[in-house]
């Protein structure tokens, strides 16, 4: 089996995880809620506006920061957005664990799948 076939197999295995299932459901729920989508888009737009102004060396008014903070509080209070962010974070943690295992193998710190008694890769 080629490297790309193994990568594809890993991708399909990741799709079958509980984390991916929960993330997909949270994403569908978020997509079906226009108010949550509007809120997150408005928040992202305001964030980009502030960042671009800061990058350009412009001073940001207190009013703009206040608007941003109010949006941030609304985003924190929105259950659909928070469920999506939580699911996304858990899936990203899974990806980090998978990447850590791959890195262990590349550094020679992991045992083969056939042997799992006492090697450092299994701890």
Protein backbone atom coordinates (compact mmCIF):
# COMPACT_ATOMS: atom_id res chain seq x y z
CA UNK A 1 0.00 0.00 0.00
CA UNK A 2 1.40 3.41 -0.97
CA UNK A 3 1.98 6.28 1.41
CA UNK A 4 -0.93 8.26 -0.05
CA UNK A 5 -3.24 5.27 0.27
CA UNK A 6 -2.26 4.97 3.94
CA UNK A 7 -2.89 8.70 4.43
CA UNK A 8 -6.30 8.32 2.83
CA UNK A 9 -7.02 5.34 5.09
CA UNK A 10 -6.08 7.44 8.11
CA UNK A 11 -8.38 10.22 6.88
CA UNK A 12 -11.30 7.81 6.61
CA UNK A 13 -10.52 6.42 10.07
CA UNK A 14 -10.57 9.97 11.47
CA UNK A 15 -13.98 10.56 9.86
CA UNK A 16 -15.34 7.60 11.81
CA UNK A 17 -14.28 8.96 15.20
CA UNK A 18 -16.70 10.28 17.78
CA UNK A 19 -14.92 13.64 17.64
CA UNK A 20 -15.51 13.97 13.89
CA UNK A 21 -19.15 12.92 14.24
CA UNK A 22 -19.77 15.50 16.96
CA UNK A 23 -17.96 18.20 14.98
CA UNK A 24 -20.01 17.45 11.86
CA UNK A 25 -23.27 17.62 13.86
CA UNK A 26 -22.24 20.89 15.52
CA UNK A 27 -21.31 22.33 12.14
CA UNK A 28 -24.69 21.36 10.66
CA UNK A 29 -26.45 22.85 13.67
CA UNK A 30 -24.50 26.09 13.32
CA UNK A 31 -25.18 26.23 9.57
CA UNK A 32 -28.91 25.84 10.19
CA UNK A 33 -29.06 28.77 12.62
CA UNK A 34 -29.00 32.08 10.71
CA UNK A 35 -28.65 34.20 13.84
CA UNK A 36 -25.59 32.29 15.04
CA UNK A 37 -24.05 32.49 11.56
CA UNK A 38 -24.72 36.23 11.35
CA UNK A 39 -23.18 36.73 14.77
CA UNK A 40 -20.01 34.77 14.02
CA UNK A 41 -19.59 36.50 10.66
CA UNK A 42 -20.04 39.91 12.27
CA UNK A 43 -17.50 39.00 14.96
CA UNK A 44 -14.94 37.80 12.38
CA UNK A 45 -15.46 40.93 10.28
CA UNK A 46 -14.95 43.23 13.30
CA UNK A 47 -11.85 41.24 14.31
CA UNK A 48 -10.35 41.62 10.81
CA UNK A 49 -11.20 45.33 10.80
CA UNK A 50 -9.34 45.85 14.09
CA UNK A 51 -6.38 43.70 13.05
CA UNK A 52 -6.01 45.45 9.69
CA UNK A 53 -6.15 48.85 11.37
CA UNK A 54 -3.53 47.80 13.94
CA UNK A 55 -1.30 46.35 11.22
CA UNK A 56 -1.55 49.68 9.39
CA UNK A 57 -0.52 51.51 12.56
CA UNK A 58 -3.91 53.14 12.99
CA UNK A 59 -5.35 53.93 16.40
CA UNK A 60 -8.47 51.98 17.32
CA UNK A 61 -11.23 53.98 18.97
CA UNK A 62 -12.78 52.95 22.25
CA UNK A 63 -16.11 52.70 20.44
CA UNK A 64 -14.75 50.07 18.04
CA UNK A 65 -13.24 48.08 20.93
CA UNK A 66 -16.53 48.32 22.82
CA UNK A 67 -18.44 47.01 19.79
CA UNK A 68 -15.95 44.17 19.48
CA UNK A 69 -16.23 43.29 23.17
CA UNK A 70 -20.03 43.28 22.97
CA UNK A 71 -19.88 40.96 19.97
CA UNK A 72 -17.44 38.73 21.82
CA UNK A 73 -19.84 38.44 24.75
CA UNK A 74 -22.70 37.54 22.38
CA UNK A 75 -20.53 34.88 20.74
CA UNK A 76 -19.66 33.45 24.17
CA UNK A 77 -23.36 33.32 25.07
CA UNK A 78 -24.44 31.61 21.84
CA UNK A 79 -24.82 27.90 22.57
CA UNK A 80 -24.59 26.88 18.89
CA UNK A 81 -21.30 28.70 18.41
CA UNK A 82 -19.85 27.39 21.66
CA UNK A 83 -20.86 23.81 20.82
CA UNK A 84 -19.12 24.17 17.47
CA UNK A 85 -15.96 25.67 19.01
CA UNK A 86 -15.87 22.93 21.65
CA UNK A 87 -16.28 20.17 19.06
CA UNK A 88 -13.64 21.78 16.87
CA UNK A 89 -11.22 21.96 19.80
CA UNK A 90 -11.74 18.28 20.67
CA UNK A 91 -11.20 17.22 17.05
CA UNK A 92 -8.05 19.34 16.87
CA UNK A 93 -6.78 17.63 20.04
CA UNK A 94 -7.32 14.27 18.35
CA UNK A 95 -5.36 15.46 15.31
CA UNK A 96 -2.54 16.61 17.61
CA UNK A 97 -2.47 13.16 19.25
CA UNK A 98 -2.29 11.48 15.84
CA UNK A 99 0.50 13.84 14.81
CA UNK A 100 2.37 13.09 18.05
CA UNK A 101 2.24 9.35 17.30
CA UNK A 102 3.51 9.95 13.76
CA UNK A 103 6.35 12.06 15.15
CA UNK A 104 7.23 9.35 17.69
CA UNK A 105 7.53 6.83 14.88
CA UNK A 106 9.65 9.20 12.80
CA UNK A 107 12.00 9.74 15.75
CA UNK A 108 12.23 5.99 16.36
CA UNK A 109 10.56 6.31 19.76
CA UNK A 110 7.61 4.06 19.02
CA UNK A 111 7.31 0.33 18.76
CA UNK A 112 5.66 -1.54 15.93
CA UNK A 113 1.94 -2.35 16.14
CA UNK A 114 2.87 -5.98 16.87
CA UNK A 115 4.79 -5.26 20.08
CA UNK A 116 3.37 -3.21 22.86
CA UNK A 117 5.02 -4.41 26.04
CA UNK A 118 7.01 -1.77 27.79
CA UNK A 119 8.33 0.35 24.94
CA UNK A 120 8.40 4.13 25.26
CA UNK A 121 6.09 4.54 22.28
CA UNK A 122 3.20 2.90 24.08
CA UNK A 123 3.20 5.00 27.19
